[in-house]
């Protein structure tokens, strides 16, 4: 299961290593995420976010993430 913050995070978190280092998770190529799914996603939160990004891509829902990219998504921002 995921929460609203997970959606914001896949829209804004850069990949910290590898071929696509620096690219936001939702912008990683589907083939790259599928490769990780076959091998094994990284442990912890990063792996969970990558798996969620893959599911969103497979279901064709990437358009839902676009409004979350730059901090203009009402209700998804934490106060302060």
C-alpha atoms as a PDB file:
ATOM      1  CA  UNK A   1       0.000   0.000   0.000  1.00  0.00           C
ATOM      2  CA  UNK A   2       1.108   3.578  -0.502  1.00  0.00           C
ATOM      3  CA  UNK A   3       0.156   6.990   0.793  1.00  0.00           C
ATOM      4  CA  UNK A   4      -0.214  10.388  -0.846  1.00  0.00           C
ATOM      5  CA  UNK A   5       3.337  11.359   0.042  1.00  0.00           C
ATOM      6  CA  UNK A   6       4.623   8.382  -1.975  1.00  0.00           C
ATOM      7  CA  UNK A   7       3.076   9.889  -5.114  1.00  0.00           C
ATOM      8  CA  UNK A   8       4.748  13.233  -4.426  1.00  0.00           C
ATOM      9  CA  UNK A   9       8.042  11.477  -3.771  1.00  0.00           C
ATOM     10  CA  UNK A  10       8.096   9.537  -7.043  1.00  0.00           C
ATOM     11  CA  UNK A  11       7.397  12.837  -8.820  1.00  0.00           C
ATOM     12  CA  UNK A  12      10.329  14.607  -7.140  1.00  0.00           C
ATOM     13  CA  UNK A  13      12.917  12.076  -5.943  1.00  0.00           C
ATOM     14  CA  UNK A  14      15.950  11.649  -8.192  1.00  0.00           C
ATOM     15  CA  UNK A  15      17.432   8.211  -8.780  1.00  0.00           C
ATOM     16  CA  UNK A  16      20.546   8.217  -6.587  1.00  0.00           C
ATOM     17  CA  UNK A  17      22.723   5.825  -8.627  1.00  0.00           C
ATOM     18  CA  UNK A  18      23.193   3.949 -11.863  1.00  0.00           C
ATOM     19  CA  UNK A  19      22.620   4.651 -15.511  1.00  0.00           C
ATOM     20  CA  UNK A  20      19.783   7.104 -14.822  1.00  0.00           C
ATOM     21  CA  UNK A  21      21.270   8.789 -11.763  1.00  0.00           C
ATOM     22  CA  UNK A  22      19.612  12.164 -11.207  1.00  0.00           C
ATOM     23  CA  UNK A  23      16.467  11.345 -13.178  1.00  0.00           C
ATOM     24  CA  UNK A  24      13.218  11.632 -11.230  1.00  0.00           C
ATOM     25  CA  UNK A  25      11.803   8.189 -10.389  1.00  0.00           C
ATOM     26  CA  UNK A  26       8.603   8.549 -12.428  1.00  0.00           C
ATOM     27  CA  UNK A  27      10.738   9.491 -15.448  1.00  0.00           C
ATOM     28  CA  UNK A  28      12.803   6.317 -15.332  1.00  0.00           C
ATOM     29  CA  UNK A  29      12.229   4.181 -18.428  1.00  0.00           C
ATOM     30  CA  UNK A  30       9.746   1.376 -17.904  1.00  0.00           C
ATOM     31  CA  UNK A  31      12.297  -1.129 -19.230  1.00  0.00           C
ATOM     32  CA  UNK A  32      14.760  -0.056 -16.527  1.00  0.00           C
ATOM     33  CA  UNK A  33      12.146  -0.498 -13.801  1.00  0.00           C
ATOM     34  CA  UNK A  34      11.177  -3.892 -15.248  1.00  0.00           C
ATOM     35  CA  UNK A  35      14.820  -4.937 -15.118  1.00  0.00           C
ATOM     36  CA  UNK A  36      14.905  -4.076 -11.411  1.00  0.00           C
ATOM     37  CA  UNK A  37      11.624  -5.936 -10.890  1.00  0.00           C
ATOM     38  CA  UNK A  38      13.214  -9.074 -12.352  1.00  0.00           C
ATOM     39  CA  UNK A  39      16.510  -8.731 -10.484  1.00  0.00           C
ATOM     40  CA  UNK A  40      15.353  -7.071  -7.253  1.00  0.00           C
ATOM     41  CA  UNK A  41      14.442  -3.525  -6.337  1.00  0.00           C
ATOM     42  CA  UNK A  42      16.780  -1.826  -3.865  1.00  0.00           C
ATOM     43  CA  UNK A  43      15.931  -2.374  -0.219  1.00  0.00           C
ATOM     44  CA  UNK A  44      13.873   0.140   1.696  1.00  0.00           C
ATOM     45  CA  UNK A  45      11.888   3.161   0.638  1.00  0.00           C
ATOM     46  CA  UNK A  46      13.695   3.664  -2.680  1.00  0.00           C
ATOM     47  CA  UNK A  47      12.767   0.171  -3.829  1.00  0.00           C
ATOM     48  CA  UNK A  48       9.135   0.634  -2.782  1.00  0.00           C
ATOM     49  CA  UNK A  49       8.943   3.934  -4.666  1.00  0.00           C
ATOM     50  CA  UNK A  50      10.507   2.390  -7.770  1.00  0.00           C
ATOM     51  CA  UNK A  51       7.978  -0.464  -7.649  1.00  0.00           C
ATOM     52  CA  UNK A  52       5.152   2.060  -7.336  1.00  0.00           C
ATOM     53  CA  UNK A  53       6.534   4.053 -10.272  1.00  0.00           C
ATOM     54  CA  UNK A  54       6.525   0.860 -12.345  1.00  0.00           C
ATOM     55  CA  UNK A  55       2.916   0.077 -11.418  1.00  0.00           C
ATOM     56  CA  UNK A  56       1.844   3.602 -12.338  1.00  0.00           C
ATOM     57  CA  UNK A  57       3.585   3.300 -15.708  1.00  0.00           C
ATOM     58  CA  UNK A  58       2.097  -0.138 -16.413  1.00  0.00           C
ATOM     59  CA  UNK A  59      -1.401   1.126 -15.636  1.00  0.00           C
ATOM     60  CA  UNK A  60      -0.907   4.219 -17.812  1.00  0.00           C
ATOM     61  CA  UNK A  61      -1.416   6.637 -14.925  1.00  0.00           C
ATOM     62  CA  UNK A  62       1.685   8.816 -15.261  1.00  0.00           C
ATOM     63  CA  UNK A  63      -0.523  11.814 -16.052  1.00  0.00           C
ATOM     64  CA  UNK A  64      -1.701  11.763 -12.444  1.00  0.00           C
ATOM     65  CA  UNK A  65       1.848  12.452 -11.293  1.00  0.00           C
ATOM     66  CA  UNK A  66       2.500  15.528 -13.470  1.00  0.00           C
ATOM     67  CA  UNK A  67       0.728  18.029 -11.170  1.00  0.00           C
ATOM     68  CA  UNK A  68       2.877  16.807  -8.259  1.00  0.00           C
ATOM     69  CA  UNK A  69       6.226  17.582  -9.841  1.00  0.00           C
ATOM     70  CA  UNK A  70       6.746  21.190  -8.800  1.00  0.00           C
ATOM     71  CA  UNK A  71       4.980  21.726  -5.523  1.00  0.00           C
ATOM     72  CA  UNK A  72       1.694  22.995  -6.911  1.00  0.00           C
ATOM     73  CA  UNK A  73      -0.384  20.036  -5.758  1.00  0.00           C
ATOM     74  CA  UNK A  74      -2.876  21.147  -3.132  1.00  0.00           C
ATOM     75  CA  UNK A  75      -3.358  18.724  -0.310  1.00  0.00           C
ATOM     76  CA  UNK A  76      -0.113  16.869  -0.949  1.00  0.00           C
ATOM     77  CA  UNK A  77       2.231  19.355   0.665  1.00  0.00           C
ATOM     78  CA  UNK A  78       3.147  19.115   4.283  1.00  0.00           C
ATOM     79  CA  UNK A  79       2.741  22.278   6.319  1.00  0.00           C
ATOM     80  CA  UNK A  80       5.805  24.324   7.042  1.00  0.00           C
END
